């Protein structure tokens, strides 16, 4: 099931996406629709409304507003190697503020104080239940769904600071979307990032150094996870810089495609 957060007029709601393609842009406007649900999509059975809206009449928003975003670094071996590093012995965690979140179609803004801003396409896990100290074997019970993410990073600032808060914390540096897919076979899913239509990253999610259950267990041993929190599972090899006027797209098979344009900031 695909669950999106959307606006129509002054109203913001969650809804079930019906008969859509793999992205908002390639959905047939004649049949693709969204059906609002009452309340939040976590913590109980969904209550769909009888009314539906054609997809072209709504504005898609970030599919979730997390209390926190937890990133996992160097979680594909080839990516660690392209950074001149080895895969870590345990999941390497960092945090992005929730003010980095933007939705599908929103602009990634390049800050004037950085000379190199990189794309990092990722599979994101959306937490569906309040949890702490989750066992590896119980991790599936706290997953609310999955979405596409771009862990945008000011690479020069990351190298200069030696820690990652500033480099990953700028507004617009966490595009999420286009929707939450509640079920996903991660053993078969592929991730691909394209810039201006050219494929730059491509890998199997199964190539993660630390799998999703291990990541959830590791993170939840440190901090309480709330419904709607997001874990970024890591980016494959092939990261590279973004330029003004670029269009960057992250596709995860079984979910869809998240696309954002790029523009210069003040």
C-alpha atoms as a PDB file:
ATOM      1  CA  UNK A   1       0.000   0.000   0.000  1.00  0.00           C
ATOM      2  CA  UNK A   2       1.216   3.491  -0.851  1.00  0.00           C
ATOM      3  CA  UNK A   3       0.542   6.213   1.711  1.00  0.00           C
ATOM      4  CA  UNK A   4       1.236   9.847   0.850  1.00  0.00           C
ATOM      5  CA  UNK A   5       0.946  13.150   2.638  1.00  0.00           C
ATOM      6  CA  UNK A   6      -0.654  15.815   0.498  1.00  0.00           C
ATOM      7  CA  UNK A   7      -2.283  19.222   0.425  1.00  0.00           C
ATOM      8  CA  UNK A   8      -5.430  20.252  -1.352  1.00  0.00           C
ATOM      9  CA  UNK A   9      -6.305  23.875  -0.848  1.00  0.00           C
ATOM     10  CA  UNK A  10      -5.525  24.687   2.783  1.00  0.00           C
ATOM     11  CA  UNK A  11      -6.079  21.105   3.942  1.00  0.00           C
ATOM     12  CA  UNK A  12      -3.177  18.736   4.674  1.00  0.00           C
ATOM     13  CA  UNK A  13      -3.880  15.029   5.050  1.00  0.00           C
ATOM     14  CA  UNK A  14      -2.559  11.539   4.558  1.00  0.00           C
ATOM     15  CA  UNK A  15      -4.047   9.382   1.856  1.00  0.00           C
ATOM     16  CA  UNK A  16      -3.803   6.074   0.027  1.00  0.00           C
ATOM     17  CA  UNK A  17      -2.430   6.421  -3.496  1.00  0.00           C
ATOM     18  CA  UNK A  18      -4.434   4.387  -5.994  1.00  0.00           C
ATOM     19  CA  UNK A  19      -3.611   3.385  -9.596  1.00  0.00           C
ATOM     20  CA  UNK A  20      -0.480   5.544  -9.783  1.00  0.00           C
ATOM     21  CA  UNK A  21       2.719   4.839 -11.683  1.00  0.00           C
ATOM     22  CA  UNK A  22       6.147   4.676 -10.098  1.00  0.00           C
ATOM     23  CA  UNK A  23       6.363   8.445  -9.806  1.00  0.00           C
ATOM     24  CA  UNK A  24       3.959  11.350  -9.606  1.00  0.00           C
ATOM     25  CA  UNK A  25       5.015  12.555 -13.055  1.00  0.00           C
ATOM     26  CA  UNK A  26       4.414   9.276 -14.877  1.00  0.00           C
ATOM     27  CA  UNK A  27       1.020   8.560 -13.300  1.00  0.00           C
ATOM     28  CA  UNK A  28      -1.955   8.552 -15.648  1.00  0.00           C
ATOM     29  CA  UNK A  29      -3.958  11.656 -14.693  1.00  0.00           C
ATOM     30  CA  UNK A  30      -7.164   9.973 -15.841  1.00  0.00           C
ATOM     31  CA  UNK A  31      -7.025   7.107 -13.342  1.00  0.00           C
ATOM     32  CA  UNK A  32      -4.472   7.908 -10.617  1.00  0.00           C
ATOM     33  CA  UNK A  33      -6.179   9.092  -7.449  1.00  0.00           C
ATOM     34  CA  UNK A  34      -5.587   9.603  -3.759  1.00  0.00           C
ATOM     35  CA  UNK A  35      -8.050   8.560  -1.052  1.00  0.00           C
ATOM     36  CA  UNK A  36      -7.736  10.509   2.233  1.00  0.00           C
ATOM     37  CA  UNK A  37      -7.480   8.626   5.503  1.00  0.00           C
ATOM     38  CA  UNK A  38      -8.607   9.844   8.898  1.00  0.00           C
ATOM     39  CA  UNK A  39      -5.832  10.695  11.309  1.00  0.00           C
ATOM     40  CA  UNK A  40      -2.271   9.418  11.146  1.00  0.00           C
ATOM     41  CA  UNK A  41      -1.111   6.332   9.229  1.00  0.00           C
ATOM     42  CA  UNK A  42       0.631   4.761  12.229  1.00  0.00           C
ATOM     43  CA  UNK A  43      -0.622   2.863  15.239  1.00  0.00           C
ATOM     44  CA  UNK A  44      -3.888   1.330  14.109  1.00  0.00           C
ATOM     45  CA  UNK A  45      -6.134   0.385  11.230  1.00  0.00           C
ATOM     46  CA  UNK A  46      -6.502   2.951   8.477  1.00  0.00           C
ATOM     47  CA  UNK A  47      -9.878   4.600   8.019  1.00  0.00           C
ATOM     48  CA  UNK A  48     -10.189   5.487   4.308  1.00  0.00           C
ATOM     49  CA  UNK A  49     -12.649   8.158   3.263  1.00  0.00           C
ATOM     50  CA  UNK A  50     -15.212   7.559   0.527  1.00  0.00           C
ATOM     51  CA  UNK A  51     -14.005  10.593  -1.426  1.00  0.00           C
ATOM     52  CA  UNK A  52     -10.995  10.450  -3.759  1.00  0.00           C
ATOM     53  CA  UNK A  53      -9.086  13.184  -5.567  1.00  0.00           C
ATOM     54  CA  UNK A  54      -7.314  12.988  -8.947  1.00  0.00           C
ATOM     55  CA  UNK A  55      -3.544  13.040  -8.415  1.00  0.00           C
ATOM     56  CA  UNK A  56      -3.013  16.194 -10.543  1.00  0.00           C
ATOM     57  CA  UNK A  57      -5.298  18.201  -8.242  1.00  0.00           C
ATOM     58  CA  UNK A  58      -3.214  17.691  -5.082  1.00  0.00           C
ATOM     59  CA  UNK A  59       0.242  18.837  -4.005  1.00  0.00           C
ATOM     60  CA  UNK A  60       2.489  16.115  -2.650  1.00  0.00           C
ATOM     61  CA  UNK A  61       4.330  16.895   0.584  1.00  0.00           C
ATOM     62  CA  UNK A  62       7.075  15.000   2.418  1.00  0.00           C
ATOM     63  CA  UNK A  63       5.394  11.681   3.227  1.00  0.00           C
ATOM     64  CA  UNK A  64       6.304  12.011   6.894  1.00  0.00           C
ATOM     65  CA  UNK A  65       7.503  14.692   9.328  1.00  0.00           C
ATOM     66  CA  UNK A  66       9.930  12.811  11.582  1.00  0.00           C
ATOM     67  CA  UNK A  67      10.974  13.878  15.047  1.00  0.00           C
ATOM     68  CA  UNK A  68      14.473  12.837  13.958  1.00  0.00           C
ATOM     69  CA  UNK A  69      16.354  11.385  11.012  1.00  0.00           C
ATOM     70  CA  UNK A  70      19.031   8.832  11.798  1.00  0.00           C
ATOM     71  CA  UNK A  71      21.580   8.219   9.048  1.00  0.00           C
ATOM     72  CA  UNK A  72      23.817   5.187   8.677  1.00  0.00           C
ATOM     73  CA  UNK A  73      27.179   5.954   7.096  1.00  0.00           C
ATOM     74  CA  UNK A  74      29.422   3.787   4.905  1.00  0.00           C
ATOM     75  CA  UNK A  75      26.879   0.970   4.759  1.00  0.00           C
ATOM     76  CA  UNK A  76      27.746  -0.165   1.230  1.00  0.00           C
ATOM     77  CA  UNK A  77      31.290  -1.502   0.964  1.00  0.00           C
ATOM     78  CA  UNK A  78      31.954   0.079  -2.437  1.00  0.00           C
ATOM     79  CA  UNK A  79      30.861   3.492  -1.107  1.00  0.00           C
ATOM     80  CA  UNK A  80      33.178   3.189   1.898  1.00  0.00           C
ATOM     81  CA  UNK A  81      35.988   2.331  -0.483  1.00  0.00           C
ATOM     82  CA  UNK A  82      35.319   5.321  -2.746  1.00  0.00           C
ATOM     83  CA  UNK A  83      35.747   7.505   0.340  1.00  0.00           C
ATOM     84  CA  UNK A  84      39.075   5.800   1.042  1.00  0.00           C
ATOM     85  CA  UNK A  85      37.714   3.968   4.065  1.00  0.00           C
ATOM     86  CA  UNK A  86      36.705   0.516   5.204  1.00  0.00           C
ATOM     87  CA  UNK A  87      33.237  -0.592   6.192  1.00  0.00           C
ATOM     88  CA  UNK A  88      32.781   0.053   9.930  1.00  0.00           C
ATOM     89  CA  UNK A  89      32.625  -2.795  12.432  1.00  0.00           C
ATOM     90  CA  UNK A  90      29.214  -1.639  13.642  1.00  0.00           C
ATOM     91  CA  UNK A  91      26.612   0.715  12.136  1.00  0.00           C
ATOM     92  CA  UNK A  92      27.946   4.272  11.973  1.00  0.00           C
ATOM     93  CA  UNK A  93      25.193   6.645  13.087  1.00  0.00           C
ATOM     94  CA  UNK A  94      24.640  10.352  12.541  1.00  0.00           C
ATOM     95  CA  UNK A  95      21.636  12.660  12.872  1.00  0.00           C
ATOM     96  CA  UNK A  96      20.025  15.093  10.457  1.00  0.00           C
ATOM     97  CA  UNK A  97      17.615  17.707  11.827  1.00  0.00           C
ATOM     98  CA  UNK A  98      13.999  17.360  10.780  1.00  0.00           C
ATOM     99  CA  UNK A  99      14.221  20.826   9.200  1.00  0.00           C
ATOM    100  CA  UNK A 100      16.230  19.239   6.370  1.00  0.00           C
ATOM    101  CA  UNK A 101      13.112  17.454   5.086  1.00  0.00           C
ATOM    102  CA  UNK A 102      11.495  18.427   1.794  1.00  0.00           C
ATOM    103  CA  UNK A 103       9.111  16.504  -0.411  1.00  0.00           C
ATOM    104  CA  UNK A 104       8.950  15.385  -4.026  1.00  0.00           C
ATOM    105  CA  UNK A 105       9.323  18.214  -6.512  1.00  0.00           C
ATOM    106  CA  UNK A 106      10.821  20.607  -3.973  1.00  0.00           C
ATOM    107  CA  UNK A 107      14.163  22.287  -4.625  1.00  0.00           C
ATOM    108  CA  UNK A 108      17.459  21.258  -3.077  1.00  0.00           C
ATOM    109  CA  UNK A 109      19.139  24.565  -2.235  1.00  0.00           C
ATOM    110  CA  UNK A 110      22.925  24.751  -2.563  1.00  0.00           C
ATOM    111  CA  UNK A 111      24.351  26.809   0.327  1.00  0.00           C
ATOM    112  CA  UNK A 112      26.734  29.569  -0.652  1.00  0.00           C
ATOM    113  CA  UNK A 113      29.311  28.498   1.949  1.00  0.00           C
ATOM    114  CA  UNK A 114      29.872  25.100   0.306  1.00  0.00           C
ATOM    115  CA  UNK A 115      31.770  24.460  -2.911  1.00  0.00           C
ATOM    116  CA  UNK A 116      30.680  20.833  -3.294  1.00  0.00           C
ATOM    117  CA  UNK A 117      27.262  19.398  -2.466  1.00  0.00           C
ATOM    118  CA  UNK A 118      26.758  15.701  -3.237  1.00  0.00           C
ATOM    119  CA  UNK A 119      23.709  13.543  -3.882  1.00  0.00           C
ATOM    120  CA  UNK A 120      23.377  10.300  -1.906  1.00  0.00           C
ATOM    121  CA  UNK A 121      20.410   8.167  -2.950  1.00  0.00           C
ATOM    122  CA  UNK A 122      19.138   5.887  -0.194  1.00  0.00           C
ATOM    123  CA  UNK A 123      16.363   3.591   0.960  1.00  0.00           C
ATOM    124  CA  UNK A 124      14.676   5.097   4.019  1.00  0.00           C
ATOM    125  CA  UNK A 125      12.867   3.119   6.701  1.00  0.00           C
ATOM    126  CA  UNK A 126       9.879   4.803   8.355  1.00  0.00           C
ATOM    127  CA  UNK A 127       9.280   3.722  11.934  1.00  0.00           C
ATOM    128  CA  UNK A 128       5.677   2.807  12.637  1.00  0.00           C
ATOM    129  CA  UNK A 129       5.596   2.289  16.416  1.00  0.00           C
ATOM    130  CA  UNK A 130       7.125   3.716  19.566  1.00  0.00           C
ATOM    131  CA  UNK A 131      10.054   1.455  20.340  1.00  0.00           C
ATOM    132  CA  UNK A 132      13.242   1.051  22.340  1.00  0.00           C
ATOM    133  CA  UNK A 133      15.762  -1.816  22.543  1.00  0.00           C
ATOM    134  CA  UNK A 134      14.243  -3.680  19.600  1.00  0.00           C
ATOM    135  CA  UNK A 135      15.638  -7.175  19.066  1.00  0.00           C
ATOM    136  CA  UNK A 136      16.894  -8.006  15.578  1.00  0.00           C
ATOM    137  CA  UNK A 137      14.216 -10.665  15.188  1.00  0.00           C
ATOM    138  CA  UNK A 138      11.468  -8.174  16.140  1.00  0.00           C
ATOM    139  CA  UNK A 139      12.539  -5.332  13.846  1.00  0.00           C
ATOM    140  CA  UNK A 140       9.817  -5.954  11.246  1.00  0.00           C
ATOM    141  CA  UNK A 141       7.180  -5.279  13.909  1.00  0.00           C
ATOM    142  CA  UNK A 142       8.184  -1.620  14.246  1.00  0.00           C
ATOM    143  CA  UNK A 143       8.558  -0.769  10.545  1.00  0.00           C
ATOM    144  CA  UNK A 144       5.743   1.396   9.220  1.00  0.00           C
ATOM    145  CA  UNK A 145       7.030   1.392   5.655  1.00  0.00           C
ATOM    146  CA  UNK A 146       9.746   2.535   3.296  1.00  0.00           C
ATOM    147  CA  UNK A 147      10.413   5.544   1.105  1.00  0.00           C
ATOM    148  CA  UNK A 148      13.107   7.003  -1.146  1.00  0.00           C
ATOM    149  CA  UNK A 149      15.585   9.492   0.276  1.00  0.00           C
ATOM    150  CA  UNK A 150      18.457  11.702  -0.773  1.00  0.00           C
ATOM    151  CA  UNK A 151      21.010  12.280   2.001  1.00  0.00           C
ATOM    152  CA  UNK A 152      22.352  15.505   0.488  1.00  0.00           C
ATOM    153  CA  UNK A 153      25.800  16.326   1.893  1.00  0.00           C
ATOM    154  CA  UNK A 154      28.124  19.326   1.702  1.00  0.00           C
ATOM    155  CA  UNK A 155      31.201  17.169   1.109  1.00  0.00           C
ATOM    156  CA  UNK A 156      33.804  19.894   1.556  1.00  0.00           C
ATOM    157  CA  UNK A 157      32.341  20.898   4.913  1.00  0.00           C
ATOM    158  CA  UNK A 158      32.162  17.265   5.994  1.00  0.00           C
ATOM    159  CA  UNK A 159      35.877  16.848   5.308  1.00  0.00           C
ATOM    160  CA  UNK A 160      36.735  20.173   6.945  1.00  0.00           C
ATOM    161  CA  UNK A 161      34.702  19.628  10.114  1.00  0.00           C
ATOM    162  CA  UNK A 162      35.584  15.905  10.558  1.00  0.00           C
ATOM    163  CA  UNK A 163      32.107  15.440  12.026  1.00  0.00           C
ATOM    164  CA  UNK A 164      28.971  15.608   9.936  1.00  0.00           C
ATOM    165  CA  UNK A 165      26.364  17.833  11.562  1.00  0.00           C
ATOM    166  CA  UNK A 166      26.880  20.947   9.479  1.00  0.00           C
ATOM    167  CA  UNK A 167      27.525  19.096   6.218  1.00  0.00           C
ATOM    168  CA  UNK A 168      24.269  17.145   6.422  1.00  0.00           C
ATOM    169  CA  UNK A 169      22.131  19.627   8.319  1.00  0.00           C
ATOM    170  CA  UNK A 170      21.228  22.370   5.843  1.00  0.00           C
ATOM    171  CA  UNK A 171      17.572  23.022   5.078  1.00  0.00           C
ATOM    172  CA  UNK A 172      16.411  20.964   2.043  1.00  0.00           C
ATOM    173  CA  UNK A 173      19.168  18.339   2.542  1.00  0.00           C
ATOM    174  CA  UNK A 174      16.750  15.431   3.182  1.00  0.00           C
ATOM    175  CA  UNK A 175      14.297  14.998   0.304  1.00  0.00           C
ATOM    176  CA  UNK A 176      11.848  12.156   1.069  1.00  0.00           C
ATOM    177  CA  UNK A 177       9.122  10.604  -1.058  1.00  0.00           C
ATOM    178  CA  UNK A 178       7.154  10.332  -3.125  1.00  0.00           C
ATOM    179  CA  UNK A 179       5.159   8.179  -0.683  1.00  0.00           C
ATOM    180  CA  UNK A 180       5.508   5.474   1.958  1.00  0.00           C
ATOM    181  CA  UNK A 181       5.316   1.907   0.676  1.00  0.00           C
ATOM    182  CA  UNK A 182       4.083  -0.230   3.574  1.00  0.00           C
ATOM    183  CA  UNK A 183       5.504  -3.504   2.229  1.00  0.00           C
ATOM    184  CA  UNK A 184       8.773  -4.044   0.397  1.00  0.00           C
ATOM    185  CA  UNK A 185      10.853  -7.105  -0.404  1.00  0.00           C
ATOM    186  CA  UNK A 186      14.237  -5.638   0.456  1.00  0.00           C
ATOM    187  CA  UNK A 187      15.977  -8.799  -0.748  1.00  0.00           C
ATOM    188  CA  UNK A 188      14.936  -7.930  -4.302  1.00  0.00           C
ATOM    189  CA  UNK A 189      14.864  -4.122  -4.231  1.00  0.00           C
ATOM    190  CA  UNK A 190      17.304  -2.100  -6.321  1.00  0.00           C
ATOM    191  CA  UNK A 191      18.321   1.513  -5.740  1.00  0.00           C
ATOM    192  CA  UNK A 192      19.308   3.908  -8.512  1.00  0.00           C
ATOM    193  CA  UNK A 193      20.179   7.595  -8.558  1.00  0.00           C
ATOM    194  CA  UNK A 194      20.114   9.654 -11.762  1.00  0.00           C
ATOM    195  CA  UNK A 195      21.196  13.232 -12.415  1.00  0.00           C
ATOM    196  CA  UNK A 196      19.685  14.869 -15.495  1.00  0.00           C
ATOM    197  CA  UNK A 197      18.662  11.407 -16.701  1.00  0.00           C
ATOM    198  CA  UNK A 198      22.137   9.878 -16.361  1.00  0.00           C
ATOM    199  CA  UNK A 199      22.458   6.971 -13.919  1.00  0.00           C
ATOM    200  CA  UNK A 200      25.106   7.718 -11.294  1.00  0.00           C
ATOM    201  CA  UNK A 201      24.364   5.123  -8.605  1.00  0.00           C
ATOM    202  CA  UNK A 202      22.982   1.599  -8.902  1.00  0.00           C
ATOM    203  CA  UNK A 203      23.039  -1.206  -6.339  1.00  0.00           C
ATOM    204  CA  UNK A 204      20.973  -3.886  -4.681  1.00  0.00           C
ATOM    205  CA  UNK A 205      19.585  -3.086  -1.240  1.00  0.00           C
ATOM    206  CA  UNK A 206      20.685  -6.606  -0.307  1.00  0.00           C
ATOM    207  CA  UNK A 207      24.289  -5.342  -0.566  1.00  0.00           C
ATOM    208  CA  UNK A 208      23.946  -3.355   2.674  1.00  0.00           C
ATOM    209  CA  UNK A 209      26.789  -4.150   5.064  1.00  0.00           C
ATOM    210  CA  UNK A 210      24.353  -4.030   7.980  1.00  0.00           C
ATOM    211  CA  UNK A 211      20.820  -5.117   7.162  1.00  0.00           C
ATOM    212  CA  UNK A 212      17.716  -3.237   8.210  1.00  0.00           C
ATOM    213  CA  UNK A 213      16.937  -5.401  11.288  1.00  0.00           C
ATOM    214  CA  UNK A 214      20.503  -4.916  12.558  1.00  0.00           C
ATOM    215  CA  UNK A 215      20.265  -1.168  11.996  1.00  0.00           C
ATOM    216  CA  UNK A 216      16.979  -0.843  13.874  1.00  0.00           C
ATOM    217  CA  UNK A 217      18.329  -2.892  16.788  1.00  0.00           C
ATOM    218  CA  UNK A 218      21.498  -0.790  16.913  1.00  0.00           C
ATOM    219  CA  UNK A 219      19.741   2.580  16.753  1.00  0.00           C
ATOM    220  CA  UNK A 220      16.974   1.672  19.195  1.00  0.00           C
ATOM    221  CA  UNK A 221      19.564   0.529  21.743  1.00  0.00           C
ATOM    222  CA  UNK A 222      20.656   4.167  21.899  1.00  0.00           C
ATOM    223  CA  UNK A 223      17.468   6.188  21.506  1.00  0.00           C
ATOM    224  CA  UNK A 224      13.711   5.814  21.610  1.00  0.00           C
ATOM    225  CA  UNK A 225      12.236   5.797  18.122  1.00  0.00           C
ATOM    226  CA  UNK A 226       8.872   7.466  17.578  1.00  0.00           C
ATOM    227  CA  UNK A 227       6.251   6.746  14.915  1.00  0.00           C
ATOM    228  CA  UNK A 228       7.286   8.619  11.788  1.00  0.00           C
ATOM    229  CA  UNK A 229      10.993   8.699  12.576  1.00  0.00           C
ATOM    230  CA  UNK A 230      13.196   7.957   9.579  1.00  0.00           C
ATOM    231  CA  UNK A 231      16.335   5.836   9.297  1.00  0.00           C
ATOM    232  CA  UNK A 232      18.491   6.341   6.201  1.00  0.00           C
ATOM    233  CA  UNK A 233      20.093   2.982   5.474  1.00  0.00           C
ATOM    234  CA  UNK A 234      23.169   4.141   3.533  1.00  0.00           C
ATOM    235  CA  UNK A 235      24.145   5.138   0.011  1.00  0.00           C
ATOM    236  CA  UNK A 236      25.819   3.033  -2.699  1.00  0.00           C
ATOM    237  CA  UNK A 237      28.984   3.948  -4.587  1.00  0.00           C
ATOM    238  CA  UNK A 238      28.781   6.660  -7.214  1.00  0.00           C
ATOM    239  CA  UNK A 239      28.149   9.794  -5.176  1.00  0.00           C
ATOM    240  CA  UNK A 240      28.894  13.048  -6.939  1.00  0.00           C
ATOM    241  CA  UNK A 241      28.322  16.790  -6.968  1.00  0.00           C
ATOM    242  CA  UNK A 242      25.121  18.630  -7.777  1.00  0.00           C
ATOM    243  CA  UNK A 243      25.011  21.831  -9.795  1.00  0.00           C
ATOM    244  CA  UNK A 244      22.498  24.628 -10.184  1.00  0.00           C
ATOM    245  CA  UNK A 245      19.586  23.583 -12.450  1.00  0.00           C
ATOM    246  CA  UNK A 246      20.263  19.840 -12.065  1.00  0.00           C
ATOM    247  CA  UNK A 247      17.401  17.374 -11.683  1.00  0.00           C
ATOM    248  CA  UNK A 248      18.206  14.463  -9.347  1.00  0.00           C
ATOM    249  CA  UNK A 249      16.037  11.355  -9.020  1.00  0.00           C
ATOM    250  CA  UNK A 250      16.244   8.446  -6.586  1.00  0.00           C
ATOM    251  CA  UNK A 251      14.400   5.268  -7.550  1.00  0.00           C
ATOM    252  CA  UNK A 252      13.846   2.218  -5.374  1.00  0.00           C
ATOM    253  CA  UNK A 253      12.111  -0.678  -7.101  1.00  0.00           C
ATOM    254  CA  UNK A 254       8.893  -1.517  -5.315  1.00  0.00           C
ATOM    255  CA  UNK A 255       8.491   2.064  -4.088  1.00  0.00           C
ATOM    256  CA  UNK A 256       8.896   4.553  -6.933  1.00  0.00           C
ATOM    257  CA  UNK A 257      10.906   7.636  -7.824  1.00  0.00           C
ATOM    258  CA  UNK A 258      11.703  10.766  -5.846  1.00  0.00           C
ATOM    259  CA  UNK A 259      12.714  13.739  -8.019  1.00  0.00           C
ATOM    260  CA  UNK A 260      13.999  17.164  -6.997  1.00  0.00           C
ATOM    261  CA  UNK A 261      15.524  20.091  -8.842  1.00  0.00           C
ATOM    262  CA  UNK A 262      18.601  21.943  -7.625  1.00  0.00           C
ATOM    263  CA  UNK A 263      19.087  25.675  -7.291  1.00  0.00           C
ATOM    264  CA  UNK A 264      21.593  28.084  -5.819  1.00  0.00           C
ATOM    265  CA  UNK A 265      20.906  29.572  -2.411  1.00  0.00           C
ATOM    266  CA  UNK A 266      21.515  33.129  -1.302  1.00  0.00           C
END
